[in-house]
């Protein structure tokens, strides 16, 4: 029982660290996906204006 009392705080802190890092990496992944989607939309808009230079984009 003494071993549990000694190891339990370290295990709890390790689990908290693991959950914190997991949430940080998931947030970073979501941010990268959103950035890639925004970049693709911007490239799509640039390509469509390059094909039709006479028309102005809606603002």
N, C-alpha and C. Protein backbone atom coordinates (compact mmCIF):
# COMPACT_ATOMS: atom_id res chain seq x y z
N UNK A 1 0.82 -1.21 0.00
CA UNK A 1 0.00 0.00 0.00
C UNK A 1 0.86 1.26 0.00
N UNK A 2 2.04 1.15 0.56
CA UNK A 2 2.94 2.30 0.60
C UNK A 2 3.37 2.71 -0.81
N UNK A 3 3.53 1.71 -1.67
CA UNK A 3 3.95 2.00 -3.04
C UNK A 3 2.88 2.79 -3.79
N UNK A 4 1.63 2.48 -3.55
CA UNK A 4 0.55 3.21 -4.21
C UNK A 4 0.55 4.66 -3.76
N UNK A 5 0.72 4.90 -2.47
CA UNK A 5 0.73 6.26 -1.95
C UNK A 5 1.91 7.05 -2.50
N UNK A 6 3.02 6.37 -2.78
CA UNK A 6 4.19 7.05 -3.31
C UNK A 6 4.04 7.32 -4.80
N UNK A 7 3.51 6.36 -5.54
CA UNK A 7 3.44 6.47 -7.00
C UNK A 7 2.20 7.21 -7.51
N UNK A 8 1.15 7.26 -6.74
CA UNK A 8 -0.10 7.87 -7.20
C UNK A 8 0.05 9.33 -7.62
N UNK A 9 0.72 10.19 -6.86
CA UNK A 9 0.86 11.58 -7.32
C UNK A 9 1.59 11.69 -8.66
N UNK A 10 2.63 10.90 -8.85
CA UNK A 10 3.35 10.95 -10.12
C UNK A 10 2.48 10.47 -11.27
N UNK A 11 1.69 9.44 -11.05
CA UNK A 11 0.80 8.92 -12.09
C UNK A 11 -0.25 9.96 -12.45
N UNK A 12 -0.82 10.62 -11.45
CA UNK A 12 -1.84 11.64 -11.70
C UNK A 12 -1.25 12.81 -12.48
N UNK A 13 -0.08 13.27 -12.08
CA UNK A 13 0.56 14.38 -12.78
C UNK A 13 0.90 13.96 -14.21
N UNK A 14 1.36 12.72 -14.39
CA UNK A 14 1.66 12.23 -15.73
C UNK A 14 0.42 12.18 -16.60
N UNK A 15 -0.69 11.75 -16.05
CA UNK A 15 -1.94 11.71 -16.81
C UNK A 15 -2.43 13.12 -17.17
N UNK A 16 -2.31 14.04 -16.24
CA UNK A 16 -2.70 15.43 -16.53
C UNK A 16 -1.83 16.00 -17.65
N UNK A 17 -0.53 15.73 -17.60
CA UNK A 17 0.37 16.20 -18.64
C UNK A 17 -0.01 15.57 -19.98
N UNK A 18 -0.32 14.27 -19.97
CA UNK A 18 -0.68 13.58 -21.21
C UNK A 18 -1.95 14.18 -21.82
N UNK A 19 -2.97 14.43 -20.99
CA UNK A 19 -4.21 15.03 -21.50
C UNK A 19 -3.97 16.45 -22.02
N UNK A 20 -3.14 17.21 -21.33
CA UNK A 20 -2.84 18.57 -21.79
C UNK A 20 -2.12 18.54 -23.13
N UNK A 21 -1.13 17.69 -23.27
CA UNK A 21 -0.40 17.60 -24.54
C UNK A 21 -1.31 17.10 -25.66
N UNK A 22 -2.16 16.15 -25.35
CA UNK A 22 -3.09 15.62 -26.35
C UNK A 22 -4.01 16.73 -26.86
N UNK A 23 -4.53 17.55 -25.95
CA UNK A 23 -5.42 18.63 -26.37
C UNK A 23 -4.67 19.69 -27.17
N UNK A 24 -3.42 19.96 -26.82
CA UNK A 24 -2.62 20.93 -27.57
C UNK A 24 -2.38 20.41 -28.99
N UNK A 25 -2.01 19.14 -29.12
CA UNK A 25 -1.74 18.58 -30.44
C UNK A 25 -3.02 18.51 -31.28
N UNK A 26 -4.15 18.20 -30.66
CA UNK A 26 -5.41 18.18 -31.41
C UNK A 26 -5.79 19.58 -31.88
N UNK A 27 -5.57 20.58 -31.04
CA UNK A 27 -5.86 21.96 -31.44
C UNK A 27 -4.95 22.38 -32.58
N UNK A 28 -3.69 21.99 -32.52
CA UNK A 28 -2.75 22.32 -33.60
C UNK A 28 -3.16 21.65 -34.89
N UNK A 29 -3.59 20.41 -34.80
CA UNK A 29 -4.04 19.68 -35.99
C UNK A 29 -5.25 20.36 -36.62
N UNK A 30 -6.20 20.77 -35.79
CA UNK A 30 -7.39 21.45 -36.30
C UNK A 30 -7.02 22.79 -36.94
N UNK A 31 -6.08 23.50 -36.32
CA UNK A 31 -5.64 24.79 -36.87
C UNK A 31 -4.95 24.60 -38.22
N UNK A 32 -4.13 23.58 -38.34
CA UNK A 32 -3.46 23.31 -39.61
C UNK A 32 -4.47 22.94 -40.70
N UNK A 33 -5.50 22.17 -40.34
CA UNK A 33 -6.52 21.82 -41.32
C UNK A 33 -7.30 23.05 -41.76
N UNK A 34 -7.64 23.92 -40.83
CA UNK A 34 -8.36 25.15 -41.16
C UNK A 34 -7.50 26.05 -42.04
N UNK A 35 -6.22 26.13 -41.74
CA UNK A 35 -5.31 26.95 -42.54
C UNK A 35 -5.18 26.39 -43.95
N UNK A 36 -5.09 25.07 -44.07
CA UNK A 36 -4.99 24.45 -45.39
C UNK A 36 -6.27 24.69 -46.20
N UNK A 37 -7.41 24.62 -45.53
CA UNK A 37 -8.68 24.86 -46.23
C UNK A 37 -8.77 26.31 -46.68
N UNK A 38 -8.36 27.24 -45.84
CA UNK A 38 -8.40 28.65 -46.21
C UNK A 38 -7.43 28.93 -47.37
N UNK A 39 -6.28 28.29 -47.33
CA UNK A 39 -5.31 28.47 -48.41
C UNK A 39 -5.86 27.92 -49.72
N UNK A 40 -6.52 26.76 -49.65
CA UNK A 40 -7.09 26.17 -50.87
C UNK A 40 -8.19 27.06 -51.43
N UNK A 41 -9.01 27.63 -50.56
CA UNK A 41 -10.07 28.54 -51.02
C UNK A 41 -9.47 29.80 -51.66
N UNK A 42 -8.41 30.31 -51.07
CA UNK A 42 -7.77 31.50 -51.63
C UNK A 42 -7.16 31.20 -52.99
N UNK A 43 -6.53 30.04 -53.12
CA UNK A 43 -5.96 29.65 -54.42
C UNK A 43 -7.06 29.44 -55.45
N UNK A 44 -8.19 28.89 -55.01
CA UNK A 44 -9.31 28.68 -55.92
C UNK A 44 -9.86 30.02 -56.41
N UNK A 45 -10.00 30.97 -55.49
CA UNK A 45 -10.48 32.30 -55.87
C UNK A 45 -9.50 32.99 -56.82
N UNK A 46 -8.22 32.84 -56.55
CA UNK A 46 -7.20 33.45 -57.41
C UNK A 46 -7.22 32.83 -58.80
N UNK A 47 -7.43 31.54 -58.86
CA UNK A 47 -7.49 30.87 -60.16
C UNK A 47 -8.73 31.29 -60.93
N UNK A 48 -9.86 31.45 -60.23
CA UNK A 48 -11.08 31.83 -60.93
C UNK A 48 -11.00 33.28 -61.43
N UNK A 49 -10.34 34.17 -60.69
CA UNK A 49 -10.18 35.54 -61.17
C UNK A 49 -9.16 35.61 -62.29
N UNK A 50 -8.20 34.68 -62.30
CA UNK A 50 -7.23 34.64 -63.39
C UNK A 50 -7.90 34.18 -64.68
N UNK A 51 -8.88 33.30 -64.56
CA UNK A 51 -9.61 32.83 -65.74
C UNK A 51 -10.57 33.89 -66.27
N UNK A 52 -11.13 34.69 -65.37
CA UNK A 52 -12.10 35.72 -65.74
C UNK A 52 -11.62 37.08 -65.20
N UNK A 53 -10.67 37.70 -65.85
CA UNK A 53 -10.14 38.95 -65.32
C UNK A 53 -11.10 40.13 -65.44
N UNK A 54 -12.12 40.04 -66.31
CA UNK A 54 -13.06 41.14 -66.48
C UNK A 54 -14.01 41.27 -65.31
N UNK A 55 -14.34 40.17 -64.69
CA UNK A 55 -15.31 40.22 -63.59
C UNK A 55 -14.58 40.50 -62.27
N UNK A 56 -15.20 41.34 -61.46
CA UNK A 56 -14.63 41.65 -60.16
C UNK A 56 -15.25 40.74 -59.11
N UNK A 57 -14.50 40.33 -58.09
CA UNK A 57 -15.08 39.49 -57.05
C UNK A 57 -16.07 40.29 -56.20
N UNK A 58 -17.07 39.60 -55.66
CA UNK A 58 -18.05 40.26 -54.79
C UNK A 58 -17.37 40.64 -53.48
N UNK A 59 -17.63 41.85 -53.04
CA UNK A 59 -17.02 42.30 -51.79
C UNK A 59 -18.05 42.62 -50.77
